[in-house]
Each structure stands twice: as C-alpha cells, then as structure tokens.
Amino acid sequence: MLLNGTGEVIDDHEYPATTEELIEEYGDRTLELPNGTETVSDVLARLEPETFENSEDARFAVYLAVSDKAVGRVGYSDRDPTPVGSPYSPDAVSF
C-alpha cells in the first residue's frame, strides 16, 4: 500500500520522530490505494499527536489510519452470505 517510495523514506527517517515531524517532512507524498489516493498528511492528521520510536511504529500508524479507500469492498467478507438485494449477489442458479 505504501507506494511511490513512501515506506522507504519512512524507514530511512531518523527516530524518534513525532507525527508533526513526519507530516512536515512527507505530508505531500501520495499513497495509492485500491479506491483512490490520500496524502500522508491526510492520513496522519487522523491520529493523536504521537512520538514514534522507530520506523515500524510509524508505518503501522499509516496503515491503521488510512480511510476506507484502502478497502476493496466495504463490508465485504467471504465468510458471510451475501445480503439479499446486494449488487454483489451472484446470479441465481437452478439445478
């Protein structure tokens, strides 16, 4: 999900680092998501101010804060039956 080299620059950043520092440094970078794009600034702005001790913590924060643009089909589960009337319902098959 962290396309366009964003993951690598987060990894290369010097830690500890605050949310504000990461937004200032990388906020204009675009994340390509399955259903659109978001900037790092938009994503990290959803979080409370925090100090990240390492790059792994910062990456997880980005992963956790992306919007539903990162989800293929909202509410989809291959374990639940498709709700009646859903546009994703399979065609009825008669045996």
N, C-alpha and C. Protein backbone atom coordinates (compact mmCIF):
# COMPACT_ATOMS: atom_id res chain seq x y z
N MET A 1 0.81 -1.19 0.00
CA MET A 1 0.00 0.00 0.00
C MET A 1 0.85 1.26 0.00
N LEU A 2 1.99 1.26 0.67
CA LEU A 2 2.81 2.46 0.69
C LEU A 2 3.62 2.55 -0.59
N LEU A 3 2.98 3.06 -1.62
CA LEU A 3 3.62 3.14 -2.92
C LEU A 3 4.39 4.45 -3.06
N ASN A 4 5.05 4.57 -4.18
CA ASN A 4 5.79 5.79 -4.53
C ASN A 4 6.96 6.05 -3.57
N GLY A 5 7.48 5.00 -2.96
CA GLY A 5 8.65 5.13 -2.10
C GLY A 5 8.37 5.66 -0.71
N THR A 6 7.12 5.83 -0.33
CA THR A 6 6.80 6.39 0.98
C THR A 6 7.30 5.49 2.11
N GLY A 7 7.11 4.20 1.98
CA GLY A 7 7.58 3.28 3.01
C GLY A 7 9.08 3.38 3.23
N GLU A 8 9.81 3.51 2.14
CA GLU A 8 11.26 3.59 2.23
C GLU A 8 11.72 4.87 2.91
N VAL A 9 11.08 6.01 2.60
CA VAL A 9 11.50 7.25 3.24
C VAL A 9 11.13 7.26 4.72
N ILE A 10 10.01 6.63 5.07
CA ILE A 10 9.66 6.50 6.48
C ILE A 10 10.70 5.63 7.19
N ASP A 11 11.13 4.56 6.54
CA ASP A 11 12.16 3.69 7.12
C ASP A 11 13.48 4.42 7.31
N ASP A 12 13.81 5.30 6.37
CA ASP A 12 15.10 6.00 6.41
C ASP A 12 15.10 7.22 7.33
N HIS A 13 13.93 7.62 7.79
CA HIS A 13 13.84 8.80 8.67
C HIS A 13 14.53 8.50 10.00
N GLU A 14 15.03 9.54 10.64
CA GLU A 14 15.70 9.37 11.93
C GLU A 14 14.67 9.39 13.05
N TYR A 15 14.75 8.41 13.93
CA TYR A 15 13.80 8.25 15.03
C TYR A 15 14.51 8.42 16.36
N PRO A 16 13.75 8.86 17.39
CA PRO A 16 12.31 9.07 17.48
C PRO A 16 11.87 10.28 16.65
N ALA A 17 10.61 10.23 16.20
CA ALA A 17 10.03 11.30 15.40
C ALA A 17 8.57 11.46 15.79
N THR A 18 8.10 12.69 15.72
CA THR A 18 6.70 12.95 16.08
C THR A 18 5.82 12.89 14.83
N THR A 19 4.53 12.78 15.07
CA THR A 19 3.56 12.81 13.98
C THR A 19 3.74 14.10 13.18
N GLU A 20 3.90 15.20 13.89
CA GLU A 20 4.06 16.51 13.24
C GLU A 20 5.31 16.55 12.35
N GLU A 21 6.40 15.98 12.81
CA GLU A 21 7.63 15.95 12.01
C GLU A 21 7.43 15.14 10.73
N LEU A 22 6.76 14.01 10.84
CA LEU A 22 6.52 13.18 9.65
C LEU A 22 5.59 13.88 8.67
N ILE A 23 4.57 14.57 9.19
CA ILE A 23 3.66 15.31 8.31
C ILE A 23 4.43 16.42 7.60
N GLU A 24 5.27 17.13 8.34
CA GLU A 24 6.04 18.22 7.75
C GLU A 24 6.99 17.71 6.66
N GLU A 25 7.62 16.59 6.93
CA GLU A 25 8.62 16.06 6.00
C GLU A 25 7.99 15.32 4.80
N TYR A 26 6.94 14.53 5.03
CA TYR A 26 6.41 13.66 3.99
C TYR A 26 4.93 13.86 3.69
N GLY A 27 4.33 14.89 4.27
CA GLY A 27 2.89 15.09 4.16
C GLY A 27 2.35 15.20 2.75
N ASP A 28 3.15 15.67 1.82
CA ASP A 28 2.67 15.84 0.44
C ASP A 28 2.81 14.57 -0.40
N ARG A 29 3.37 13.53 0.15
CA ARG A 29 3.51 12.26 -0.60
C ARG A 29 2.15 11.60 -0.75
N THR A 30 1.93 11.05 -1.93
CA THR A 30 0.64 10.43 -2.23
C THR A 30 0.71 8.93 -2.04
N LEU A 31 -0.29 8.40 -1.35
CA LEU A 31 -0.44 6.95 -1.18
C LEU A 31 -1.47 6.48 -2.20
N GLU A 32 -1.11 5.52 -3.01
CA GLU A 32 -2.03 4.94 -3.98
C GLU A 32 -2.79 3.82 -3.29
N LEU A 33 -4.10 3.94 -3.25
CA LEU A 33 -4.95 2.97 -2.58
C LEU A 33 -5.88 2.32 -3.60
N PRO A 34 -6.46 1.17 -3.30
CA PRO A 34 -7.32 0.50 -4.27
C PRO A 34 -8.48 1.36 -4.78
N ASN A 35 -8.99 2.27 -3.95
CA ASN A 35 -10.15 3.08 -4.35
C ASN A 35 -9.84 4.57 -4.33
N GLY A 36 -8.64 4.96 -4.70
CA GLY A 36 -8.28 6.37 -4.75
C GLY A 36 -6.92 6.63 -4.15
N THR A 37 -6.70 7.86 -3.78
CA THR A 37 -5.42 8.26 -3.20
C THR A 37 -5.65 9.10 -1.95
N GLU A 38 -4.63 9.17 -1.12
CA GLU A 38 -4.61 10.05 0.04
C GLU A 38 -3.18 10.50 0.23
N THR A 39 -3.01 11.65 0.86
CA THR A 39 -1.67 12.09 1.19
C THR A 39 -1.30 11.60 2.58
N VAL A 40 -0.03 11.53 2.83
CA VAL A 40 0.45 11.14 4.15
C VAL A 40 -0.07 12.13 5.18
N SER A 41 -0.15 13.39 4.82
CA SER A 41 -0.68 14.41 5.72
C SER A 41 -2.12 14.11 6.13
N ASP A 42 -2.96 13.77 5.15
CA ASP A 42 -4.36 13.43 5.45
C ASP A 42 -4.45 12.23 6.39
N VAL A 43 -3.62 11.24 6.13
CA VAL A 43 -3.66 10.01 6.93
C VAL A 43 -3.21 10.26 8.36
N LEU A 44 -2.04 10.88 8.52
CA LEU A 44 -1.51 11.08 9.87
C LEU A 44 -2.28 12.13 10.66
N ALA A 45 -2.98 13.03 9.98
CA ALA A 45 -3.79 14.03 10.68
C ALA A 45 -4.95 13.39 11.44
N ARG A 46 -5.32 12.18 11.09
CA ARG A 46 -6.39 11.47 11.80
C ARG A 46 -5.96 10.96 13.17
N LEU A 47 -4.67 10.95 13.41
CA LEU A 47 -4.13 10.41 14.66
C LEU A 47 -3.91 11.50 15.69
N GLU A 48 -3.88 11.07 16.95
CA GLU A 48 -3.48 11.96 18.02
C GLU A 48 -1.97 12.21 17.87
N PRO A 49 -1.48 13.36 18.31
CA PRO A 49 -0.03 13.58 18.27
C PRO A 49 0.70 12.46 19.02
N GLU A 50 1.76 11.97 18.41
CA GLU A 50 2.46 10.82 18.96
C GLU A 50 3.93 10.92 18.62
N THR A 51 4.76 10.28 19.41
CA THR A 51 6.17 10.15 19.11
C THR A 51 6.44 8.69 18.76
N PHE A 52 6.98 8.48 17.57
CA PHE A 52 7.28 7.12 17.10
C PHE A 52 8.73 6.81 17.44
N GLU A 53 8.95 5.68 18.07
CA GLU A 53 10.29 5.29 18.48
C GLU A 53 11.10 4.68 17.34
N ASN A 54 10.39 4.14 16.32
CA ASN A 54 11.09 3.52 15.20
C ASN A 54 10.21 3.55 13.96
N SER A 55 10.78 3.15 12.85
CA SER A 55 10.06 3.20 11.57
C SER A 55 8.89 2.22 11.53
N GLU A 56 9.01 1.10 12.21
CA GLU A 56 7.92 0.13 12.23
C GLU A 56 6.67 0.75 12.86
N ASP A 57 6.84 1.47 13.96
CA ASP A 57 5.70 2.14 14.60
C ASP A 57 5.06 3.17 13.67
N ALA A 58 5.89 3.91 12.95
CA ALA A 58 5.38 4.93 12.04
C ALA A 58 4.63 4.28 10.87
N ARG A 59 5.17 3.22 10.32
CA ARG A 59 4.48 2.50 9.23
C ARG A 59 3.13 1.97 9.70
N PHE A 60 3.10 1.34 10.87
CA PHE A 60 1.84 0.81 11.39
C PHE A 60 0.82 1.92 11.59
N ALA A 61 1.27 3.08 12.03
CA ALA A 61 0.36 4.21 12.21
C ALA A 61 -0.27 4.60 10.88
N VAL A 62 0.51 4.61 9.82
CA VAL A 62 -0.02 4.94 8.49
C VAL A 62 -1.00 3.85 8.05
N TYR A 63 -0.63 2.60 8.22
CA TYR A 63 -1.52 1.50 7.84
C TYR A 63 -2.87 1.60 8.56
N LEU A 64 -2.83 1.93 9.85
CA LEU A 64 -4.04 1.95 10.65
C LEU A 64 -4.92 3.17 10.39
N ALA A 65 -4.33 4.24 9.87
CA ALA A 65 -5.08 5.49 9.73
C ALA A 65 -5.62 5.75 8.33
N VAL A 66 -5.31 4.89 7.36
CA VAL A 66 -5.87 5.13 6.02
C VAL A 66 -7.38 4.97 6.06
N SER A 67 -8.04 5.63 5.14
CA SER A 67 -9.51 5.59 5.11
C SER A 67 -10.00 4.31 4.44
N ASP A 68 -11.31 4.25 4.23
CA ASP A 68 -11.87 3.08 3.56
C ASP A 68 -11.52 3.03 2.08
N LYS A 69 -10.78 4.01 1.59
CA LYS A 69 -10.26 3.94 0.21
C LYS A 69 -9.25 2.79 0.07
N ALA A 70 -8.75 2.32 1.20
CA ALA A 70 -7.78 1.22 1.19
C ALA A 70 -8.46 -0.14 1.24
N VAL A 71 -9.78 -0.15 1.34
CA VAL A 71 -10.54 -1.40 1.44
C VAL A 71 -11.15 -1.71 0.09
N GLY A 72 -11.02 -2.93 -0.35
CA GLY A 72 -11.60 -3.31 -1.64
C GLY A 72 -13.09 -3.02 -1.69
N ARG A 73 -13.88 -3.82 -1.03
CA ARG A 73 -15.32 -3.60 -0.93
C ARG A 73 -15.66 -3.44 0.55
N VAL A 74 -16.17 -2.30 0.90
CA VAL A 74 -16.50 -2.02 2.29
C VAL A 74 -17.56 -3.01 2.77
N GLY A 75 -17.30 -3.63 3.90
CA GLY A 75 -18.24 -4.57 4.47
C GLY A 75 -18.18 -5.96 3.87
N TYR A 76 -17.28 -6.19 2.94
CA TYR A 76 -17.19 -7.50 2.28
C TYR A 76 -16.55 -8.52 3.20
N SER A 77 -17.09 -9.70 3.20
CA SER A 77 -16.49 -10.83 3.89
C SER A 77 -16.79 -12.08 3.07
N ASP A 78 -15.77 -12.87 2.80
CA ASP A 78 -16.01 -14.09 2.05
C ASP A 78 -16.53 -15.20 2.97
N ARG A 79 -16.73 -14.89 4.24
CA ARG A 79 -17.24 -15.87 5.18
C ARG A 79 -18.74 -15.71 5.45
N ASP A 80 -19.28 -14.56 5.12
CA ASP A 80 -20.69 -14.31 5.36
C ASP A 80 -21.47 -14.45 4.06
N PRO A 81 -22.72 -14.90 4.14
CA PRO A 81 -23.54 -14.95 2.92
C PRO A 81 -23.80 -13.53 2.41
N THR A 82 -23.94 -13.40 1.11
CA THR A 82 -24.24 -12.10 0.51
C THR A 82 -25.64 -11.67 0.91
N PRO A 83 -25.81 -10.44 1.40
CA PRO A 83 -27.14 -9.99 1.80
C PRO A 83 -28.11 -9.96 0.62
N VAL A 84 -29.37 -10.23 0.89
CA VAL A 84 -30.40 -10.20 -0.14
C VAL A 84 -30.47 -8.79 -0.72
N GLY A 85 -30.52 -8.69 -2.02
CA GLY A 85 -30.63 -7.40 -2.69
C GLY A 85 -29.31 -6.70 -2.93
N SER A 86 -28.20 -7.30 -2.50
CA SER A 86 -26.90 -6.69 -2.70
C SER A 86 -26.54 -6.69 -4.18
N PRO A 87 -25.93 -5.60 -4.66
CA PRO A 87 -25.50 -5.58 -6.06
C PRO A 87 -24.39 -6.59 -6.35
N TYR A 88 -23.81 -7.16 -5.31
CA TYR A 88 -22.73 -8.13 -5.47
C TYR A 88 -23.23 -9.57 -5.38
N SER A 89 -24.54 -9.74 -5.29
CA SER A 89 -25.10 -11.09 -5.21
C SER A 89 -24.83 -11.85 -6.50
N PRO A 90 -24.48 -13.12 -6.39
CA PRO A 90 -24.27 -13.91 -7.59
C PRO A 90 -25.63 -14.18 -8.28
N ASP A 91 -25.56 -14.45 -9.55
CA ASP A 91 -26.78 -14.79 -10.27
C ASP A 91 -27.34 -16.11 -9.72
N ALA A 92 -28.65 -16.18 -9.62
CA ALA A 92 -29.30 -17.40 -9.14
C ALA A 92 -29.09 -18.52 -10.14
N VAL A 93 -28.82 -19.70 -9.63
CA VAL A 93 -28.59 -20.86 -10.47
C VAL A 93 -29.61 -21.92 -10.08
N SER A 94 -30.27 -22.49 -11.09
CA SER A 94 -31.25 -23.53 -10.82
C SER A 94 -30.67 -24.86 -11.24
N PHE A 95 -30.80 -25.88 -10.40
CA PHE A 95 -30.27 -27.20 -10.71
C PHE A 95 -31.35 -28.10 -11.18
